[in-house]
Amino acid sequence: MSTTTAPLTTATRRWRTGLILFGIALLVIGAITLLNDVAPTDYAGIAIWLFGALVIHDGLAALVIFGVSILMRRASRTIPLAVIAIIQGALAVGAIFFVIVVPAILKKDIGSANPSILPLEYGLNLVLFYVGLAMVTAAAIAVYLVLARRQNARPSSSQD
């Protein structure tokens, strides 16, 4: 079975080229900053951190989000794709915050010489964030479902 794709428009090519050039520029800025501001002895630690981030993202977060999506699609064929996308977005945001906040929680448990470095209750704040994220996600799903129901109930303007 062969699928054909439409040729790219000029605007699409321009956007794609612009985004690629923007990404390359950000990489160059990051490399220059790394070389100017970070001691070479810290490169190994940065490489380990990047490897850990890759494992967490590709090995855990992406796999969990993909698995939840598959389960939702198989559990009920009636779940709209927009609802699945909203939940995927919430899971992605939750995973990002987990990766950002857990090191602070671990470091606070270890302790530091300066108690003002990590003064907050990061574990409690993460739980409260997840509660807020769940509420916002539920509200977004509810709004989508109400709007979709209204759209389906409205007669089509193309019918005479």
N, C-alpha and C. Protein backbone atom coordinates (compact mmCIF):
# COMPACT_ATOMS: atom_id res chain seq x y z
N MET A 1 0.85 -1.16 0.00
CA MET A 1 0.00 0.00 0.00
C MET A 1 0.90 1.23 0.00
N SER A 2 0.75 2.03 -0.99
CA SER A 2 1.61 3.21 -1.13
C SER A 2 0.83 4.45 -0.74
N THR A 3 1.48 5.30 -0.02
CA THR A 3 0.85 6.57 0.34
C THR A 3 1.63 7.69 -0.31
N THR A 4 0.90 8.64 -0.82
CA THR A 4 1.57 9.78 -1.42
C THR A 4 1.38 10.98 -0.52
N THR A 5 2.37 11.82 -0.49
CA THR A 5 2.29 13.02 0.32
C THR A 5 2.25 14.22 -0.60
N ALA A 6 1.54 15.21 -0.17
CA ALA A 6 1.45 16.44 -0.96
C ALA A 6 2.79 17.15 -0.92
N PRO A 7 3.13 17.82 -2.01
CA PRO A 7 4.40 18.56 -2.00
C PRO A 7 4.34 19.70 -0.98
N LEU A 8 5.50 20.00 -0.42
CA LEU A 8 5.57 21.06 0.59
C LEU A 8 5.36 22.42 -0.08
N THR A 9 4.60 23.24 0.59
CA THR A 9 4.40 24.59 0.08
C THR A 9 5.61 25.43 0.41
N THR A 10 5.70 26.57 -0.24
CA THR A 10 6.82 27.48 0.01
C THR A 10 6.81 27.94 1.45
N ALA A 11 5.63 28.23 1.98
CA ALA A 11 5.54 28.69 3.37
C ALA A 11 6.01 27.61 4.33
N THR A 12 5.63 26.37 4.06
CA THR A 12 6.06 25.27 4.93
C THR A 12 7.57 25.11 4.89
N ARG A 13 8.14 25.19 3.70
CA ARG A 13 9.60 25.08 3.58
C ARG A 13 10.29 26.21 4.33
N ARG A 14 9.76 27.41 4.23
CA ARG A 14 10.36 28.55 4.91
C ARG A 14 10.29 28.39 6.42
N TRP A 15 9.13 27.98 6.93
CA TRP A 15 8.99 27.76 8.37
C TRP A 15 9.94 26.65 8.83
N ARG A 16 9.97 25.56 8.10
CA ARG A 16 10.84 24.45 8.47
C ARG A 16 12.30 24.89 8.49
N THR A 17 12.73 25.60 7.46
CA THR A 17 14.11 26.09 7.38
C THR A 17 14.40 27.06 8.52
N GLY A 18 13.45 27.95 8.79
CA GLY A 18 13.63 28.91 9.88
C GLY A 18 13.75 28.23 11.23
N LEU A 19 12.91 27.24 11.47
CA LEU A 19 12.96 26.54 12.75
C LEU A 19 14.25 25.73 12.89
N ILE A 20 14.70 25.12 11.81
CA ILE A 20 15.97 24.38 11.85
C ILE A 20 17.12 25.34 12.14
N LEU A 21 17.15 26.48 11.46
CA LEU A 21 18.21 27.46 11.70
C LEU A 21 18.15 28.01 13.12
N PHE A 22 16.95 28.24 13.63
CA PHE A 22 16.79 28.71 15.01
C PHE A 22 17.33 27.66 15.99
N GLY A 23 17.02 26.39 15.75
CA GLY A 23 17.52 25.32 16.62
C GLY A 23 19.04 25.22 16.57
N ILE A 24 19.61 25.35 15.38
CA ILE A 24 21.07 25.31 15.26
C ILE A 24 21.69 26.49 15.99
N ALA A 25 21.07 27.68 15.87
CA ALA A 25 21.58 28.86 16.57
C ALA A 25 21.56 28.65 18.08
N LEU A 26 20.49 28.06 18.60
CA LEU A 26 20.42 27.78 20.04
C LEU A 26 21.49 26.79 20.46
N LEU A 27 21.74 25.78 19.64
CA LEU A 27 22.80 24.82 19.95
C LEU A 27 24.17 25.50 19.98
N VAL A 28 24.42 26.39 19.03
CA VAL A 28 25.69 27.11 18.99
C VAL A 28 25.83 27.99 20.23
N ILE A 29 24.78 28.71 20.59
CA ILE A 29 24.82 29.55 21.79
C ILE A 29 25.08 28.70 23.03
N GLY A 30 24.41 27.56 23.11
CA GLY A 30 24.64 26.66 24.24
C GLY A 30 26.06 26.14 24.30
N ALA A 31 26.62 25.79 23.15
CA ALA A 31 28.00 25.29 23.11
C ALA A 31 28.98 26.38 23.50
N ILE A 32 28.77 27.60 23.01
CA ILE A 32 29.65 28.71 23.37
C ILE A 32 29.57 29.00 24.86
N THR A 33 28.35 28.99 25.40
CA THR A 33 28.17 29.22 26.83
C THR A 33 28.85 28.13 27.64
N LEU A 34 28.71 26.89 27.21
CA LEU A 34 29.36 25.77 27.90
C LEU A 34 30.87 25.95 27.91
N LEU A 35 31.45 26.27 26.77
CA LEU A 35 32.90 26.41 26.68
C LEU A 35 33.41 27.62 27.47
N ASN A 36 32.63 28.69 27.53
CA ASN A 36 33.07 29.91 28.22
C ASN A 36 32.83 29.88 29.73
N ASP A 37 31.76 29.25 30.17
CA ASP A 37 31.33 29.39 31.56
C ASP A 37 31.49 28.14 32.42
N VAL A 38 31.78 27.00 31.82
CA VAL A 38 31.86 25.76 32.58
C VAL A 38 33.29 25.23 32.52
N ALA A 39 33.78 24.86 33.68
CA ALA A 39 35.13 24.29 33.75
C ALA A 39 35.15 22.93 33.07
N PRO A 40 36.22 22.63 32.35
CA PRO A 40 36.31 21.32 31.67
C PRO A 40 36.18 20.13 32.62
N THR A 41 36.52 20.31 33.88
CA THR A 41 36.38 19.21 34.83
C THR A 41 34.91 18.87 35.09
N ASP A 42 33.99 19.78 34.76
CA ASP A 42 32.57 19.55 34.98
C ASP A 42 31.88 18.89 33.78
N TYR A 43 32.58 18.71 32.68
CA TYR A 43 31.98 18.15 31.47
C TYR A 43 31.45 16.74 31.70
N ALA A 44 32.18 15.95 32.46
CA ALA A 44 31.72 14.57 32.72
C ALA A 44 30.41 14.57 33.49
N GLY A 45 30.30 15.44 34.48
CA GLY A 45 29.05 15.54 35.25
C GLY A 45 27.89 15.98 34.37
N ILE A 46 28.15 16.90 33.46
CA ILE A 46 27.10 17.36 32.54
C ILE A 46 26.70 16.23 31.60
N ALA A 47 27.67 15.48 31.11
CA ALA A 47 27.36 14.35 30.22
C ALA A 47 26.53 13.30 30.95
N ILE A 48 26.86 13.04 32.21
CA ILE A 48 26.08 12.07 32.99
C ILE A 48 24.66 12.58 33.20
N TRP A 49 24.53 13.88 33.48
CA TRP A 49 23.20 14.47 33.68
C TRP A 49 22.39 14.37 32.39
N LEU A 50 23.00 14.68 31.25
CA LEU A 50 22.30 14.59 29.98
C LEU A 50 21.89 13.15 29.67
N PHE A 51 22.75 12.20 29.97
CA PHE A 51 22.41 10.79 29.78
C PHE A 51 21.23 10.40 30.66
N GLY A 52 21.26 10.84 31.92
CA GLY A 52 20.15 10.56 32.83
C GLY A 52 18.85 11.18 32.34
N ALA A 53 18.93 12.41 31.83
CA ALA A 53 17.73 13.06 31.29
C ALA A 53 17.20 12.29 30.09
N LEU A 54 18.09 11.79 29.25
CA LEU A 54 17.68 11.01 28.09
C LEU A 54 17.00 9.72 28.53
N VAL A 55 17.56 9.05 29.51
CA VAL A 55 16.97 7.80 30.00
C VAL A 55 15.60 8.07 30.62
N ILE A 56 15.51 9.13 31.41
CA ILE A 56 14.22 9.46 32.05
C ILE A 56 13.19 9.83 31.00
N HIS A 57 13.59 10.63 30.02
CA HIS A 57 12.63 11.05 29.00
C HIS A 57 12.22 9.89 28.10
N ASP A 58 13.19 9.25 27.47
CA ASP A 58 12.87 8.22 26.48
C ASP A 58 12.53 6.88 27.12
N GLY A 59 13.14 6.58 28.25
CA GLY A 59 12.93 5.29 28.87
C GLY A 59 11.76 5.24 29.82
N LEU A 60 11.41 6.37 30.41
CA LEU A 60 10.33 6.37 31.39
C LEU A 60 9.15 7.22 30.96
N ALA A 61 9.36 8.53 30.86
CA ALA A 61 8.24 9.45 30.63
C ALA A 61 7.53 9.17 29.31
N ALA A 62 8.27 9.10 28.22
CA ALA A 62 7.65 8.86 26.91
C ALA A 62 6.95 7.50 26.89
N LEU A 63 7.56 6.51 27.50
CA LEU A 63 6.97 5.17 27.54
C LEU A 63 5.67 5.16 28.34
N VAL A 64 5.65 5.83 29.48
CA VAL A 64 4.44 5.89 30.30
C VAL A 64 3.33 6.64 29.57
N ILE A 65 3.66 7.78 28.98
CA ILE A 65 2.65 8.56 28.26
C ILE A 65 2.10 7.76 27.08
N PHE A 66 2.98 7.10 26.35
CA PHE A 66 2.54 6.27 25.22
C PHE A 66 1.66 5.12 25.72
N GLY A 67 2.07 4.47 26.80
CA GLY A 67 1.29 3.36 27.34
C GLY A 67 -0.09 3.79 27.81
N VAL A 68 -0.17 4.93 28.48
CA VAL A 68 -1.48 5.45 28.93
C VAL A 68 -2.36 5.75 27.72
N SER A 69 -1.76 6.32 26.68
CA SER A 69 -2.53 6.62 25.47
C SER A 69 -3.09 5.36 24.84
N ILE A 70 -2.27 4.34 24.74
CA ILE A 70 -2.72 3.07 24.15
C ILE A 70 -3.83 2.46 25.00
N LEU A 71 -3.65 2.46 26.32
CA LEU A 71 -4.67 1.90 27.21
C LEU A 71 -5.99 2.65 27.09
N MET A 72 -5.90 3.99 27.00
CA MET A 72 -7.13 4.78 26.87
C MET A 72 -7.83 4.49 25.55
N ARG A 73 -7.07 4.33 24.50
CA ARG A 73 -7.69 4.06 23.20
C ARG A 73 -8.31 2.67 23.14
N ARG A 74 -7.69 1.72 23.80
CA ARG A 74 -8.23 0.36 23.79
C ARG A 74 -9.35 0.19 24.80
N ALA A 75 -9.29 0.93 25.91
CA ALA A 75 -10.31 0.78 26.95
C ALA A 75 -11.66 1.25 26.43
N SER A 76 -11.64 2.30 25.68
CA SER A 76 -12.90 2.83 25.19
C SER A 76 -12.67 3.52 23.87
N ARG A 77 -13.35 3.06 22.87
CA ARG A 77 -13.22 3.68 21.54
C ARG A 77 -13.96 5.01 21.49
N THR A 78 -14.68 5.35 22.56
CA THR A 78 -15.48 6.58 22.54
C THR A 78 -14.74 7.79 23.11
N ILE A 79 -13.54 7.61 23.60
CA ILE A 79 -12.79 8.75 24.13
C ILE A 79 -12.28 9.58 22.95
N PRO A 80 -12.68 10.85 22.87
CA PRO A 80 -12.21 11.68 21.75
C PRO A 80 -10.69 11.86 21.79
N LEU A 81 -10.11 11.97 20.61
CA LEU A 81 -8.66 12.15 20.53
C LEU A 81 -8.21 13.42 21.22
N ALA A 82 -9.05 14.45 21.23
CA ALA A 82 -8.68 15.70 21.91
C ALA A 82 -8.54 15.47 23.42
N VAL A 83 -9.39 14.64 23.99
CA VAL A 83 -9.30 14.34 25.42
C VAL A 83 -8.01 13.57 25.70
N ILE A 84 -7.68 12.63 24.84
CA ILE A 84 -6.42 11.89 25.00
C ILE A 84 -5.24 12.84 24.89
N ALA A 85 -5.31 13.80 23.96
CA ALA A 85 -4.22 14.77 23.81
C ALA A 85 -4.09 15.66 25.05
N ILE A 86 -5.21 16.05 25.63
CA ILE A 86 -5.16 16.87 26.86
C ILE A 86 -4.49 16.08 27.98
N ILE A 87 -4.85 14.81 28.12
CA ILE A 87 -4.26 13.98 29.16
C ILE A 87 -2.78 13.74 28.89
N GLN A 88 -2.42 13.52 27.63
CA GLN A 88 -1.00 13.37 27.28
C GLN A 88 -0.22 14.63 27.65
N GLY A 89 -0.78 15.78 27.36
CA GLY A 89 -0.12 17.04 27.72
C GLY A 89 0.07 17.17 29.22
N ALA A 90 -0.96 16.81 29.98
CA ALA A 90 -0.86 16.88 31.44
C ALA A 90 0.20 15.91 31.96
N LEU A 91 0.24 14.71 31.39
CA LEU A 91 1.26 13.75 31.81
C LEU A 91 2.66 14.24 31.49
N ALA A 92 2.82 14.88 30.33
CA ALA A 92 4.13 15.42 29.95
C ALA A 92 4.56 16.53 30.91
N VAL A 93 3.64 17.43 31.23
CA VAL A 93 3.95 18.51 32.18
C VAL A 93 4.28 17.92 33.55
N GLY A 94 3.51 16.93 33.98
CA GLY A 94 3.79 16.29 35.26
C GLY A 94 5.15 15.61 35.29
N ALA A 95 5.53 14.97 34.19
CA ALA A 95 6.84 14.31 34.12
C ALA A 95 7.97 15.33 34.15
N ILE A 96 7.78 16.44 33.46
CA ILE A 96 8.80 17.50 33.46
C ILE A 96 8.99 18.05 34.86
N PHE A 97 7.90 18.34 35.55
CA PHE A 97 8.03 18.86 36.91
C PHE A 97 8.64 17.84 37.85
N PHE A 98 8.33 16.57 37.65
CA PHE A 98 8.93 15.53 38.46
C PHE A 98 10.44 15.54 38.31
N VAL A 99 10.90 15.62 37.07
CA VAL A 99 12.34 15.61 36.80
C VAL A 99 13.01 16.86 37.38
N ILE A 100 12.31 17.98 37.38
CA ILE A 100 12.88 19.22 37.89
C ILE A 100 12.91 19.23 39.42
N VAL A 101 11.84 18.75 40.06
CA VAL A 101 11.68 18.92 41.50
C VAL A 101 12.32 17.80 42.31
N VAL A 102 12.35 16.58 41.81
CA VAL A 102 12.88 15.46 42.60
C VAL A 102 14.34 15.67 43.01
N PRO A 103 15.22 16.19 42.16
CA PRO A 103 16.58 16.45 42.65
C PRO A 103 16.62 17.43 43.83
N ALA A 104 15.74 18.43 43.82
CA ALA A 104 15.69 19.36 44.95
C ALA A 104 15.21 18.65 46.21
N ILE A 105 14.25 17.76 46.07
CA ILE A 105 13.77 16.99 47.22
C ILE A 105 14.90 16.13 47.78
N LEU A 106 15.60 15.44 46.89
CA LEU A 106 16.70 14.58 47.34
C LEU A 106 17.82 15.39 47.99
N LYS A 107 18.17 16.50 47.41
CA LYS A 107 19.23 17.34 47.98
C LYS A 107 18.82 17.91 49.33
N LYS A 108 17.55 18.30 49.47
CA LYS A 108 17.10 18.81 50.76
C LYS A 108 17.17 17.73 51.83
N ASP A 109 16.87 16.49 51.45
CA ASP A 109 16.97 15.39 52.41
C ASP A 109 18.41 15.12 52.81
N ILE A 110 19.33 15.29 51.87
CA ILE A 110 20.76 15.10 52.16
C ILE A 110 21.23 16.23 53.07
N GLY A 111 20.75 17.43 52.79
CA GLY A 111 21.16 18.59 53.57
C GLY A 111 22.28 19.35 52.89
N SER A 112 22.45 20.59 53.31
CA SER A 112 23.54 21.41 52.77
C SER A 112 24.08 22.31 53.87
N ALA A 113 25.25 22.87 53.63
CA ALA A 113 25.88 23.74 54.63
C ALA A 113 25.10 25.04 54.80
N ASN A 114 24.37 25.45 53.77
CA ASN A 114 23.60 26.68 53.82
C ASN A 114 22.11 26.34 53.75
N PRO A 115 21.39 26.47 54.87
CA PRO A 115 19.98 26.07 54.88
C PRO A 115 19.09 26.98 54.03
N SER A 116 19.58 28.14 53.61
CA SER A 116 18.75 29.02 52.80
C SER A 116 18.77 28.65 51.32
N ILE A 117 19.56 27.65 50.94
CA ILE A 117 19.63 27.26 49.53
C ILE A 117 18.34 26.57 49.09
N LEU A 118 17.83 25.66 49.88
CA LEU A 118 16.59 24.95 49.56
C LEU A 118 15.61 25.13 50.73
N PRO A 119 14.97 26.30 50.83
CA PRO A 119 14.16 26.58 52.01
C PRO A 119 12.73 26.05 51.97
N LEU A 120 12.23 25.59 50.85
CA LEU A 120 10.82 25.23 50.73
C LEU A 120 10.57 23.75 50.95
N GLU A 121 9.31 23.41 51.11
CA GLU A 121 8.88 22.02 51.22
C GLU A 121 8.56 21.52 49.82
N TYR A 122 9.57 21.04 49.11
CA TYR A 122 9.42 20.70 47.70
C TYR A 122 8.52 19.50 47.47
N GLY A 123 8.55 18.53 48.37
CA GLY A 123 7.67 17.36 48.22
C GLY A 123 6.22 17.76 48.31
N LEU A 124 5.86 18.55 49.33
CA LEU A 124 4.49 19.02 49.47
C LEU A 124 4.10 19.88 48.28
N ASN A 125 4.99 20.75 47.85
CA ASN A 125 4.69 21.61 46.71
C ASN A 125 4.46 20.80 45.43
N LEU A 126 5.21 19.71 45.27
CA LEU A 126 5.02 18.86 44.10
C LEU A 126 3.65 18.18 44.16
N VAL A 127 3.26 17.71 45.32
CA VAL A 127 1.94 17.09 45.47
C VAL A 127 0.85 18.11 45.17
N LEU A 128 0.99 19.33 45.72
CA LEU A 128 0.01 20.38 45.46
C LEU A 128 -0.03 20.74 43.97
N PHE A 129 1.13 20.75 43.34
CA PHE A 129 1.16 21.01 41.90
C PHE A 129 0.40 19.94 41.14
N TYR A 130 0.59 18.67 41.51
CA TYR A 130 -0.11 17.59 40.83
C TYR A 130 -1.62 17.69 41.04
N VAL A 131 -2.05 18.10 42.23
CA VAL A 131 -3.48 18.29 42.48
C VAL A 131 -4.01 19.41 41.57
N GLY A 132 -3.27 20.51 41.50
CA GLY A 132 -3.68 21.61 40.61
C GLY A 132 -3.67 21.19 39.15
N LEU A 133 -2.67 20.43 38.74
CA LEU A 133 -2.60 19.94 37.36
C LEU A 133 -3.78 19.04 37.05
N ALA A 134 -4.16 18.18 37.98
CA ALA A 134 -5.31 17.31 37.77
C ALA A 134 -6.59 18.13 37.64
N MET A 135 -6.72 19.18 38.46
CA MET A 135 -7.92 20.02 38.38
C MET A 135 -7.97 20.78 37.06
N VAL A 136 -6.85 21.34 36.63
CA VAL A 136 -6.81 22.06 35.35
C VAL A 136 -7.08 21.10 34.20
N THR A 137 -6.54 19.90 34.27
CA THR A 137 -6.77 18.91 33.21
C THR A 137 -8.24 18.53 33.16
N ALA A 138 -8.83 18.28 34.31
CA ALA A 138 -10.26 17.94 34.34
C ALA A 138 -11.11 19.09 33.80
N ALA A 139 -10.75 20.33 34.16
CA ALA A 139 -11.50 21.48 33.65
C ALA A 139 -11.34 21.61 32.14
N ALA A 140 -10.14 21.39 31.63
CA ALA A 140 -9.92 21.48 30.18
C ALA A 140 -10.72 20.42 29.44
N ILE A 141 -10.77 19.22 30.00
CA ILE A 141 -11.56 18.15 29.37
C ILE A 141 -13.04 18.51 29.41
N ALA A 142 -13.51 19.02 30.54
CA ALA A 142 -14.92 19.40 30.66
C ALA A 142 -15.29 20.49 29.66
N VAL A 143 -14.43 21.50 29.54
CA VAL A 143 -14.69 22.58 28.59
C VAL A 143 -14.72 22.03 27.17
N TYR A 144 -13.77 21.18 26.84
CA TYR A 144 -13.75 20.59 25.49
C TYR A 144 -15.04 19.81 25.24
N LEU A 145 -15.45 18.98 26.18
CA LEU A 145 -16.64 18.16 25.97
C LEU A 145 -17.90 19.00 25.83
N VAL A 146 -18.01 20.08 26.61
CA VAL A 146 -19.16 20.98 26.49
C VAL A 146 -19.17 21.65 25.13
N LEU A 147 -18.01 22.16 24.71
CA LEU A 147 -17.94 22.82 23.40
C LEU A 147 -18.20 21.83 22.26
N ALA A 148 -17.70 20.63 22.38
CA ALA A 148 -17.94 19.62 21.34
C ALA A 148 -19.41 19.24 21.29
N ARG A 149 -20.04 19.12 22.44
CA ARG A 149 -21.46 18.78 22.48
C ARG A 149 -22.29 19.90 21.83
N ARG A 150 -21.94 21.17 22.15
CA ARG A 150 -22.64 22.30 21.52
C ARG A 150 -22.44 22.31 20.02
N GLN A 151 -21.23 22.03 19.59
CA GLN A 151 -20.93 22.03 18.16
C GLN A 151 -21.72 20.93 17.44
N ASN A 152 -21.85 19.78 18.07
CA ASN A 152 -22.59 18.67 17.46
C ASN A 152 -24.09 18.93 17.46
N ALA A 153 -24.58 19.67 18.45
CA ALA A 153 -26.01 19.96 18.53
C ALA A 153 -26.42 21.05 17.57
N ARG A 154 -25.51 21.89 17.17
CA ARG A 154 -25.81 23.00 16.26
C ARG A 154 -25.99 22.45 14.85
N PRO A 155 -27.06 22.92 14.15
CA PRO A 155 -27.24 22.45 12.77
C PRO A 155 -26.15 23.01 11.86
N SER A 156 -25.81 22.25 10.87
CA SER A 156 -24.77 22.65 9.94
C SER A 156 -25.23 23.84 9.11
N SER A 157 -24.37 24.80 8.93
CA SER A 157 -24.72 25.98 8.13
C SER A 157 -24.66 25.69 6.64
N SER A 158 -24.08 24.56 6.27
CA SER A 158 -23.96 24.23 4.85
C SER A 158 -25.21 23.53 4.32
N GLN A 159 -26.11 23.13 5.20
CA GLN A 159 -27.32 22.46 4.76
C GLN A 159 -28.40 23.49 4.51
N ASP A 160 -29.17 23.27 3.46
CA ASP A 160 -30.26 24.21 3.15
C ASP A 160 -31.57 23.68 3.60
